Amino acid sequence: MMGDDIFIENYYFVTVVFMWFLHVGFMSYEAGVSRRKNVMSTAIKNIMTIAVVTPAFYYAGWWTYFCMSQGFIPTIGDAIHGGECTMVLPWEELSGPNIGDHVMAVFWAAFLLFSWTTGSIMSGACIERIRVSAYLVLAVFLGAFVWILAAAWGWSWHGWLTVHFGFHDFAASGVVHGVAGLFALGVLFNLGPRVGKYDDSGGTRAFKPHNLHMTLMGLMIIFTAFYAFYAACLAVLPGEAPGWNTIYYNPTTLGAITYTITIAFAAGFMSGYICSKGDPFWTLSGGLAGVIAVSSGADVYAPSLTYLLAFAGAAFAVWIGTWQETKMRVDDAVGAVAVHGWTGMLGVLFMGIFASGYPTGGFSGNVRVTILGQLVGIATFIALAFLSGYIISWLLKKGNLLRVPLEVELEGIDLAEFGTDFYPDFAATDEIIVEADGTEVPAAPVLVRAASQVIRG
């Protein structure tokens, strides 16, 4: 038994180390998409996500996962005296350096890395106009409460969605990606588009990334870390039920997820390339969408089915991302809502369509996956995520705390936040805007009071 515990401890420790690359990738990805006047503030948001979400998850998020699985709201008795609720409270033995426990801390860290990921997904959608402080408030709610509540309900062998509806979302198409993306959509409705994004005649302007190479490199780093992300979704059990299992305690293998990830990336790249007519950003984002589209059933899909579903998922992401930007006029700077939010929910639906009847919840009587059960999960997650993002951002907006002032946005958040231009060889306002017809024009010069004066009063 001791040998099993040490192996499990090492296993999750390694997944946590490699999942750090997710956040290296997100930081590079978003910084590359930003215009140069906002690069540092964009990067800092990703770093500060770790700073604020970690303590919030330690003191509240982990408790939420163990305590909120049985229903929408636990009883007072369960909250105070329930065995699973109390064992992970910060002052309990399992939440400290307990030399007799080889699992809890590293398992907690794996979930924590998922929490950081939800914040980083939202971060990219909101770049170049959200206050750093407002983003951090939103990241705490999303990373330590909203997504982990969805996980308690549907990403657990005894969550009520699993037990009563046979819900199955092995590698978190909906629980992580879908919830984070649709939380971001709620925020974007209140945040509004960047200045100059849309005109009165219905035209949409494209803002050139300051460094597309950095963005593509960031995506490739994220793809590398996805193997660890999937591996951390496994529940490695000692003793009487040894071996590789899903979070629902269904048997699977590392080989199964290796096939799924690799083939899904290949299909997503191809689909993104074809559907976007070779656009570099959507080619790589198509790879990400392809993997997200098959994550719910990554433990059961055959390779050929994986390719077809990933191809369809990437095509869907390109289409809905373009439609959302031009028709809904929602300014999502990195396509996070399309790639993570809507494609994540599509992945949950795919599981119901193509794996209906699969037994899930190994310790819960092996309830069966159904289309209805997956739809109940989708409806629950959409309501939870979108309404949470919308309400919290609406409150921040009413307090004039959500968006930077106009002067700051035009001059650049970096100069306002840090008092310096990190690209001193270039004028902070020397930006190019691409018109709807492809014409490149200089951005209007800043004719207002310095942003640094606005911030500092």
Protein backbone atom coordinates (compact mmCIF):
# COMPACT_ATOMS: atom_id res chain seq x y z
CA MET A 1 0.00 0.00 0.00
CA MET A 2 2.80 2.41 0.84
CA GLY A 3 4.37 1.77 -2.55
CA ASP A 4 1.05 2.52 -4.27
CA ASP A 5 0.69 5.77 -2.33
CA ILE A 6 4.18 6.94 -3.25
CA PHE A 7 3.57 6.12 -6.92
CA ILE A 8 0.30 8.10 -6.90
CA GLU A 9 2.01 11.02 -5.17
CA ASN A 10 4.73 11.07 -7.82
CA TYR A 11 2.22 10.67 -10.64
CA TYR A 12 0.17 13.75 -9.74
CA PHE A 13 3.26 15.75 -8.86
CA VAL A 14 4.61 15.23 -12.38
CA THR A 15 1.28 16.20 -13.99
CA VAL A 16 1.23 19.40 -11.93
CA VAL A 17 4.77 20.31 -13.01
CA PHE A 18 3.97 19.87 -16.69
CA MET A 19 0.60 21.61 -16.40
CA TRP A 20 2.51 24.75 -15.42
CA PHE A 21 3.33 24.98 -19.11
CA LEU A 22 -0.34 25.70 -19.73
CA HIS A 23 0.17 29.04 -18.05
CA VAL A 24 3.45 29.74 -19.75
CA GLY A 25 1.54 29.17 -22.98
CA PHE A 26 -1.46 31.29 -22.00
CA MET A 27 0.79 34.18 -21.01
CA SER A 28 2.69 34.06 -24.33
CA TYR A 29 -0.47 33.48 -26.35
CA GLU A 30 -2.34 36.45 -24.90
CA ALA A 31 0.67 38.77 -24.81
CA GLY A 32 1.26 38.08 -28.51
CA VAL A 33 -2.35 38.89 -29.41
CA SER A 34 -2.24 42.18 -27.49
CA ARG A 35 -1.08 45.33 -29.16
CA ARG A 36 2.29 46.40 -27.85
CA LYS A 37 0.87 49.14 -25.61
CA ASN A 38 -0.89 46.43 -23.52
CA VAL A 39 1.60 43.55 -23.58
CA MET A 40 2.91 43.75 -20.02
CA SER A 41 -0.48 44.26 -18.37
CA THR A 42 -1.75 41.22 -20.27
CA ALA A 43 1.18 39.10 -19.08
CA ILE A 44 0.85 40.31 -15.49
CA LYS A 45 -2.83 39.30 -15.40
CA ASN A 46 -1.81 35.70 -16.03
CA ILE A 47 0.85 35.79 -13.32
CA MET A 48 -1.47 37.41 -10.79
CA THR A 49 -4.11 34.76 -11.52
CA ILE A 50 -1.85 32.37 -9.66
CA ALA A 51 -1.42 34.83 -6.81
CA VAL A 52 -5.12 35.34 -6.08
CA VAL A 53 -6.73 32.04 -7.08
CA THR A 54 -4.34 29.84 -5.09
CA PRO A 55 -5.27 31.04 -1.58
CA ALA A 56 -8.95 31.32 -2.53
CA PHE A 57 -8.96 27.74 -3.74
CA TYR A 58 -7.10 26.51 -0.65
CA TYR A 59 -9.49 28.17 1.79
CA ALA A 60 -12.78 27.72 -0.10
CA GLY A 61 -12.58 25.98 -3.47
CA TRP A 62 -11.39 22.59 -2.29
CA TRP A 63 -14.07 22.52 0.39
CA THR A 64 -16.66 23.40 -2.28
CA TYR A 65 -15.69 20.41 -4.40
CA PHE A 66 -16.09 17.90 -1.58
CA CYS A 67 -19.12 19.49 0.05
CA MET A 68 -21.36 20.51 -2.85
CA SER A 69 -21.63 17.30 -4.84
CA GLN A 70 -24.92 15.97 -3.52
CA GLY A 71 -27.20 18.83 -4.51
CA PHE A 72 -27.43 22.48 -5.43
CA ILE A 73 -27.09 23.53 -1.78
CA PRO A 74 -25.82 21.31 1.07
CA THR A 75 -27.60 21.15 4.39
CA ILE A 76 -26.13 23.13 7.26
CA GLY A 77 -25.29 19.86 8.99
CA ASP A 78 -23.43 18.55 5.98
CA ALA A 79 -21.54 21.80 5.60
CA ILE A 80 -20.35 21.76 9.19
CA HIS A 81 -20.17 18.10 10.12
CA GLY A 82 -20.16 16.15 6.84
CA GLY A 83 -17.18 13.82 6.63
CA GLU A 84 -15.96 14.86 3.19
CA CYS A 85 -16.66 18.53 3.90
CA THR A 86 -14.62 18.67 7.05
CA MET A 87 -11.64 16.54 6.04
CA VAL A 88 -10.33 19.19 3.60
CA LEU A 89 -10.85 22.28 5.73
CA PRO A 90 -7.61 24.31 5.93
CA TRP A 91 -7.00 23.50 9.58
CA GLU A 92 -7.49 19.74 9.17
CA GLU A 93 -4.65 17.24 8.99
CA LEU A 94 -5.11 16.43 5.31
CA SER A 95 -4.66 20.10 4.35
CA GLY A 96 -1.18 20.37 5.75
CA PRO A 97 2.22 18.66 5.56
CA ASN A 98 0.88 15.34 6.84
CA ILE A 99 3.74 12.88 6.40
CA GLY A 100 1.31 9.96 6.48
CA ASP A 101 -0.66 11.21 3.48
CA HIS A 102 0.85 10.85 0.01
CA VAL A 103 -2.06 11.95 -2.13
CA MET A 104 -4.19 14.89 -0.96
CA ALA A 105 -1.73 17.75 -1.49
CA VAL A 106 -0.71 16.76 -5.00
CA PHE A 107 -4.31 15.95 -5.95
CA TRP A 108 -5.32 19.38 -4.61
CA ALA A 109 -2.59 20.94 -6.75
CA ALA A 110 -3.88 19.22 -9.88
CA PHE A 111 -7.33 20.74 -9.29
CA LEU A 112 -5.72 24.08 -8.52
CA LEU A 113 -4.01 24.08 -11.91
CA PHE A 114 -7.42 23.58 -13.53
CA SER A 115 -8.61 26.62 -11.56
CA TRP A 116 -5.78 28.76 -12.93
CA THR A 117 -6.71 27.56 -16.41
CA THR A 118 -10.28 28.83 -16.11
CA GLY A 119 -8.99 32.28 -15.19
CA SER A 120 -6.52 32.32 -18.06
CA ILE A 121 -9.25 31.35 -20.53
CA MET A 122 -11.33 34.33 -19.43
CA SER A 123 -8.29 36.61 -19.40
CA GLY A 124 -7.65 36.32 -23.12
CA ALA A 125 -11.20 37.25 -24.06
CA CYS A 126 -11.05 40.50 -22.07
CA ILE A 127 -7.63 41.87 -22.94
CA GLU A 128 -6.86 45.53 -23.64
CA ARG A 129 -9.78 47.12 -21.79
CA ILE A 130 -10.48 45.36 -18.48
CA ARG A 131 -9.00 46.70 -15.25
CA VAL A 132 -6.43 44.34 -13.80
CA SER A 133 -8.14 44.58 -10.39
CA ALA A 134 -11.54 43.73 -11.90
CA TYR A 135 -10.08 40.76 -13.74
CA LEU A 136 -8.56 39.42 -10.52
CA VAL A 137 -11.90 39.65 -8.70
CA LEU A 138 -13.56 37.75 -11.54
CA ALA A 139 -10.75 35.17 -11.62
CA VAL A 140 -11.22 34.43 -7.91
CA PHE A 141 -14.95 33.81 -8.32
CA LEU A 142 -14.47 31.71 -11.46
CA GLY A 143 -11.41 29.77 -10.28
CA ALA A 144 -12.36 29.14 -6.66
CA PHE A 145 -16.15 28.90 -6.79
CA VAL A 146 -17.92 28.71 -10.16
CA TRP A 147 -16.00 26.03 -12.06
CA ILE A 148 -15.35 23.92 -8.95
CA LEU A 149 -19.08 23.97 -8.22
CA ALA A 150 -19.68 22.59 -11.71
CA ALA A 151 -16.99 19.99 -11.00
CA ALA A 152 -18.68 18.97 -7.75
CA TRP A 153 -21.95 18.44 -9.59
CA GLY A 154 -20.72 16.69 -12.73
CA TRP A 155 -17.02 15.83 -12.45
CA SER A 156 -17.21 13.43 -9.54
CA TRP A 157 -18.29 9.82 -9.15
CA HIS A 158 -20.97 10.91 -6.66
CA GLY A 159 -22.01 14.29 -8.08
CA TRP A 160 -25.75 14.65 -8.56
CA LEU A 161 -25.44 15.02 -12.34
CA THR A 162 -23.51 11.76 -12.49
CA VAL A 163 -25.64 9.78 -10.04
CA HIS A 164 -29.05 10.91 -11.29
CA PHE A 165 -28.44 11.65 -14.97
CA GLY A 166 -25.41 9.58 -15.98
CA PHE A 167 -23.45 12.72 -16.88
CA HIS A 168 -19.97 12.04 -18.24
CA ASP A 169 -17.29 14.63 -19.04
CA PHE A 170 -13.99 12.78 -18.66
CA ALA A 171 -11.45 15.49 -19.58
CA ALA A 172 -13.62 18.50 -18.80
CA SER A 173 -14.98 19.72 -22.14
CA GLY A 174 -17.78 21.41 -20.23
CA VAL A 175 -16.61 21.51 -16.62
CA VAL A 176 -13.43 23.51 -17.31
CA HIS A 177 -13.50 24.82 -20.88
CA GLY A 178 -17.22 25.33 -21.35
CA VAL A 179 -17.75 26.96 -17.96
CA ALA A 180 -14.76 29.30 -18.33
CA GLY A 181 -15.71 30.31 -21.87
CA LEU A 182 -19.33 31.09 -21.05
CA PHE A 183 -18.40 32.89 -17.84
CA ALA A 184 -16.21 35.06 -20.11
CA LEU A 185 -19.18 35.67 -22.41
CA GLY A 186 -21.17 37.05 -19.48
CA VAL A 187 -18.27 39.37 -18.67
CA LEU A 188 -17.92 40.53 -22.29
CA PHE A 189 -21.57 41.57 -22.43
CA ASN A 190 -20.86 44.13 -19.70
CA LEU A 191 -17.30 44.96 -20.68
CA GLY A 192 -18.08 45.91 -24.27
CA PRO A 193 -15.79 45.95 -27.32
CA ARG A 194 -12.45 47.70 -27.65
CA VAL A 195 -12.55 51.25 -28.95
CA GLY A 196 -12.67 51.18 -32.75
CA LYS A 197 -13.70 47.54 -33.05
CA TYR A 198 -17.08 48.26 -34.64
CA ASP A 199 -18.49 51.16 -36.65
CA ASP A 200 -22.00 52.50 -36.97
CA SER A 201 -22.53 50.91 -40.38
CA GLY A 202 -22.04 47.38 -39.02
CA GLY A 203 -18.40 47.00 -40.03
CA THR A 204 -15.93 45.07 -37.93
CA ARG A 205 -12.27 46.03 -37.63
CA ALA A 206 -9.49 43.54 -36.98
CA PHE A 207 -6.69 44.54 -34.61
CA LYS A 208 -3.34 43.11 -35.61
CA PRO A 209 -1.51 41.16 -32.87
CA HIS A 210 1.77 42.81 -31.98
CA ASN A 211 3.55 39.45 -32.29
CA LEU A 212 1.66 36.59 -33.95
CA HIS A 213 4.74 34.36 -33.70
CA MET A 214 4.58 34.65 -29.90
CA THR A 215 0.89 33.78 -29.99
CA LEU A 216 1.48 30.65 -32.06
CA MET A 217 4.35 29.61 -29.82
CA GLY A 218 2.11 30.06 -26.78
CA LEU A 219 -0.52 27.83 -28.33
CA MET A 220 2.05 25.13 -29.07
CA ILE A 221 3.20 25.23 -25.44
CA ILE A 222 -0.43 24.86 -24.33
CA PHE A 223 -0.77 21.85 -26.64
CA THR A 224 2.29 20.25 -25.06
CA ALA A 225 0.83 20.70 -21.58
CA PHE A 226 -2.48 19.17 -22.66
CA TYR A 227 -0.98 15.71 -22.29
CA ALA A 228 -0.44 16.45 -18.59
CA PHE A 229 -3.90 18.02 -18.35
CA TYR A 230 -5.47 14.78 -19.59
CA ALA A 231 -3.23 12.65 -17.39
CA ALA A 232 -4.32 14.65 -14.34
CA CYS A 233 -7.94 13.79 -15.17
CA LEU A 234 -7.24 10.18 -14.25
CA ALA A 235 -7.98 8.80 -10.81
CA VAL A 236 -5.16 6.43 -9.95
CA LEU A 237 -6.45 4.05 -7.29
CA PRO A 238 -4.44 1.91 -4.87
CA GLY A 239 -5.40 -1.17 -2.97
CA GLU A 240 -8.57 -3.04 -3.91
CA ALA A 241 -9.21 -1.13 -7.16
CA PRO A 242 -5.76 -0.57 -8.62
CA GLY A 243 -5.06 0.83 -12.05
CA TRP A 244 -6.00 3.75 -14.31
CA ASN A 245 -9.51 5.11 -13.88
CA THR A 246 -11.46 8.19 -14.83
CA ILE A 247 -12.75 10.69 -12.27
CA TYR A 248 -15.94 8.60 -12.41
CA TYR A 249 -13.98 5.45 -11.51
CA ASN A 250 -14.37 3.86 -14.93
CA PRO A 251 -11.32 2.01 -16.25
CA THR A 252 -9.18 3.64 -18.92
CA THR A 253 -5.51 3.83 -19.91
CA LEU A 254 -2.87 6.44 -20.65
CA GLY A 255 -2.70 4.89 -24.11
CA ALA A 256 -6.35 5.75 -24.75
CA ILE A 257 -5.88 9.42 -23.99
CA THR A 258 -2.60 9.52 -25.94
CA TYR A 259 -4.44 8.38 -29.06
CA THR A 260 -7.23 10.87 -28.48
CA ILE A 261 -5.09 13.95 -27.86
CA THR A 262 -2.67 13.38 -30.71
CA ILE A 263 -5.28 12.52 -33.33
CA ALA A 264 -7.57 15.35 -32.21
CA PHE A 265 -4.79 17.91 -32.61
CA ALA A 266 -4.06 16.64 -36.10
CA ALA A 267 -7.73 16.81 -37.12
CA GLY A 268 -8.22 20.22 -35.52
CA PHE A 269 -5.23 21.71 -37.32
CA MET A 270 -6.47 20.42 -40.65
CA SER A 271 -10.02 21.64 -40.07
CA GLY A 272 -8.91 25.03 -38.80
CA TYR A 273 -6.62 25.47 -41.78
CA ILE A 274 -9.32 24.57 -44.30
CA CYS A 275 -12.20 26.46 -42.68
CA SER A 276 -10.21 29.66 -42.10
CA LYS A 277 -8.53 29.48 -45.53
CA GLY A 278 -5.10 29.12 -44.00
CA ASP A 279 -5.30 31.77 -41.29
CA PRO A 280 -2.41 30.98 -38.88
CA PHE A 281 -4.29 31.93 -35.72
CA TRP A 282 -7.37 29.86 -36.52
CA THR A 283 -5.27 26.96 -37.78
CA LEU A 284 -3.71 26.53 -34.37
CA SER A 285 -6.86 27.48 -32.48
CA GLY A 286 -8.58 24.78 -34.51
CA GLY A 287 -6.22 22.26 -32.95
CA LEU A 288 -7.23 23.42 -29.49
CA ALA A 289 -10.92 23.32 -30.41
CA GLY A 290 -10.50 19.83 -31.83
CA VAL A 291 -9.13 18.49 -28.56
CA ILE A 292 -11.79 20.25 -26.50
CA ALA A 293 -14.51 18.79 -28.72
CA VAL A 294 -13.46 15.21 -27.88
CA SER A 295 -12.44 15.71 -24.24
CA SER A 296 -15.73 14.51 -22.75
CA GLY A 297 -15.37 11.10 -24.38
CA ALA A 298 -11.60 10.93 -24.62
CA ASP A 299 -11.59 7.75 -22.56
CA VAL A 300 -13.96 5.86 -24.89
CA TYR A 301 -13.72 7.21 -28.45
CA ALA A 302 -12.06 5.12 -31.14
CA PRO A 303 -9.30 6.96 -33.07
CA SER A 304 -11.30 7.27 -36.30
CA LEU A 305 -14.29 8.73 -34.47
CA THR A 306 -11.92 11.05 -32.61
CA TYR A 307 -10.64 12.44 -35.91
CA LEU A 308 -14.12 13.10 -37.27
CA LEU A 309 -15.42 14.75 -34.08
CA ALA A 310 -12.29 16.88 -33.66
CA PHE A 311 -12.55 18.00 -37.29
CA ALA A 312 -16.19 18.95 -36.78
CA GLY A 313 -15.43 20.70 -33.48
CA ALA A 314 -12.72 22.88 -35.02
CA ALA A 315 -14.96 23.81 -37.97
CA PHE A 316 -17.71 24.73 -35.50
CA ALA A 317 -15.31 26.94 -33.50
CA VAL A 318 -14.17 28.86 -36.59
CA TRP A 319 -17.76 29.38 -37.71
CA ILE A 320 -19.25 30.41 -34.37
CA GLY A 321 -16.23 32.56 -33.51
CA THR A 322 -16.62 34.52 -36.75
CA TRP A 323 -20.39 34.75 -36.37
CA GLN A 324 -20.14 35.92 -32.78
CA GLU A 325 -17.61 38.62 -33.69
CA THR A 326 -19.40 39.98 -36.75
CA LYS A 327 -23.09 39.33 -36.05
CA MET A 328 -23.36 39.41 -32.26
CA ARG A 329 -20.64 42.11 -32.18
CA VAL A 330 -18.99 40.52 -29.15
CA ASP A 331 -15.32 41.48 -29.03
CA ASP A 332 -13.58 38.31 -27.84
CA ALA A 333 -9.93 39.10 -28.56
CA VAL A 334 -8.73 35.48 -28.69
CA GLY A 335 -11.84 33.51 -29.60
CA ALA A 336 -12.02 32.01 -26.11
CA VAL A 337 -15.82 31.89 -25.99
CA ALA A 338 -15.97 30.01 -29.29
CA VAL A 339 -13.03 27.66 -28.76
CA HIS A 340 -13.54 26.91 -25.08
CA GLY A 341 -17.12 27.86 -24.28
CA TRP A 342 -19.33 26.76 -27.15
CA THR A 343 -17.03 24.00 -28.41
CA GLY A 344 -16.71 22.70 -24.85
CA MET A 345 -20.47 22.34 -24.62
CA LEU A 346 -20.53 20.73 -28.06
CA GLY A 347 -18.04 18.18 -26.74
CA VAL A 348 -20.40 17.31 -23.89
CA LEU A 349 -23.21 16.82 -26.40
CA PHE A 350 -20.98 14.62 -28.59
CA MET A 351 -20.56 12.27 -25.63
CA GLY A 352 -24.33 11.85 -25.36
CA ILE A 353 -24.75 11.28 -29.09
CA PHE A 354 -21.84 8.93 -29.79
CA ALA A 355 -21.45 7.13 -26.45
CA SER A 356 -25.01 6.89 -25.23
CA GLY A 357 -25.47 3.82 -23.04
CA TYR A 358 -21.90 3.82 -21.74
CA PRO A 359 -21.84 2.94 -18.02
CA THR A 360 -20.37 5.72 -15.86
CA GLY A 361 -20.00 6.37 -12.15
CA GLY A 362 -18.28 3.11 -11.26
CA PHE A 363 -19.12 3.40 -7.55
CA SER A 364 -22.66 4.65 -8.19
CA GLY A 365 -24.34 1.62 -9.72
CA ASN A 366 -22.95 2.21 -13.21
CA VAL A 367 -25.62 4.60 -14.43
CA ARG A 368 -25.75 5.01 -18.19
CA VAL A 369 -24.81 7.99 -20.33
CA THR A 370 -27.80 9.47 -22.16
CA ILE A 371 -28.35 12.43 -24.46
CA LEU A 372 -30.84 13.80 -21.93
CA GLY A 373 -28.31 13.58 -19.11
CA GLN A 374 -25.68 15.41 -21.15
CA LEU A 375 -28.22 18.10 -22.08
CA VAL A 376 -29.13 18.56 -18.41
CA GLY A 377 -25.44 19.06 -17.68
CA ILE A 378 -25.06 21.56 -20.53
CA ALA A 379 -28.09 23.57 -19.40
CA THR A 380 -26.82 23.58 -15.81
CA PHE A 381 -23.32 24.70 -16.76
CA ILE A 382 -24.49 27.40 -19.17
CA ALA A 383 -26.78 28.91 -16.53
CA LEU A 384 -24.17 28.68 -13.79
CA ALA A 385 -21.31 30.09 -15.88
CA PHE A 386 -23.00 32.80 -17.93
CA LEU A 387 -25.14 34.19 -15.10
CA SER A 388 -22.20 34.21 -12.68
CA GLY A 389 -19.97 36.05 -15.14
CA TYR A 390 -22.71 38.49 -16.09
CA ILE A 391 -23.87 39.31 -12.55
CA ILE A 392 -20.42 39.78 -11.04
CA SER A 393 -19.18 41.89 -13.95
CA TRP A 394 -22.44 43.92 -13.90
CA LEU A 395 -21.84 44.78 -10.24
CA LEU A 396 -18.27 45.83 -11.05
CA LYS A 397 -19.54 47.91 -13.97
CA LYS A 398 -22.11 49.66 -11.76
CA GLY A 399 -19.30 50.56 -9.41
CA ASN A 400 -17.23 51.90 -12.33
CA LEU A 401 -14.63 49.24 -11.54
CA LEU A 402 -14.80 47.00 -14.61
CA ARG A 403 -13.28 48.87 -17.54
CA VAL A 404 -10.32 51.20 -17.78
CA PRO A 405 -11.06 54.86 -18.64
CA LEU A 406 -11.09 55.88 -22.28
CA GLU A 407 -7.81 57.77 -21.90
CA VAL A 408 -6.11 54.68 -20.54
CA GLU A 409 -7.42 52.43 -23.29
CA LEU A 410 -6.24 54.79 -26.03
CA GLU A 411 -2.82 55.43 -24.57
CA GLY A 412 -2.30 51.86 -23.41
CA ILE A 413 -2.77 50.08 -20.09
CA ASP A 414 0.96 49.45 -19.67
CA LEU A 415 1.76 53.14 -19.38
CA ALA A 416 -1.07 53.65 -16.89
CA GLU A 417 -0.32 50.61 -14.73
CA PHE A 418 3.47 50.71 -14.76
CA GLY A 419 4.33 54.26 -15.71
CA THR A 420 6.55 53.19 -18.56
CA ASP A 421 6.46 52.08 -22.18
CA PHE A 422 7.96 48.60 -22.55
CA TYR A 423 8.61 49.30 -26.23
CA PRO A 424 10.31 52.72 -25.93
CA ASP A 425 11.55 52.66 -29.51
CA PHE A 426 7.98 52.94 -30.75
CA ALA A 427 5.33 55.53 -30.01
CA ALA A 428 2.66 54.05 -27.76
CA THR A 429 -0.05 55.28 -30.10
CA ASP A 430 1.63 54.22 -33.34
CA GLU A 431 -0.93 51.50 -33.97
CA ILE A 432 -2.43 50.23 -37.19
CA ILE A 433 -6.13 49.41 -37.52
CA VAL A 434 -7.31 47.12 -40.30
CA GLU A 435 -10.60 48.31 -41.79
CA ALA A 436 -13.35 45.88 -42.79
CA ASP A 437 -12.23 46.07 -46.42
CA GLY A 438 -8.62 45.23 -45.52
CA THR A 439 -7.29 48.80 -45.71
CA GLU A 440 -4.66 49.63 -43.09
CA VAL A 441 -4.97 53.03 -41.41
CA PRO A 442 -3.11 54.60 -38.46
CA ALA A 443 -5.03 54.71 -35.22
CA ALA A 444 -6.20 58.14 -34.12
CA PRO A 445 -3.67 59.96 -31.92
CA VAL A 446 -4.40 60.37 -28.24
CA LEU A 447 -5.77 63.86 -27.67
CA VAL A 448 -6.72 63.42 -24.04
CA ARG A 449 -5.06 63.71 -20.67
CA ALA A 450 -2.27 61.19 -20.01
CA ALA A 451 -3.57 57.84 -18.78
CA SER A 452 -1.03 57.77 -15.96
CA GLN A 453 -2.58 60.99 -14.63
CA VAL A 454 -6.05 59.48 -14.82
CA ILE A 455 -5.02 56.42 -12.81
CA ARG A 456 -3.04 58.36 -10.26
CA GLY A 457 -5.64 61.08 -9.86
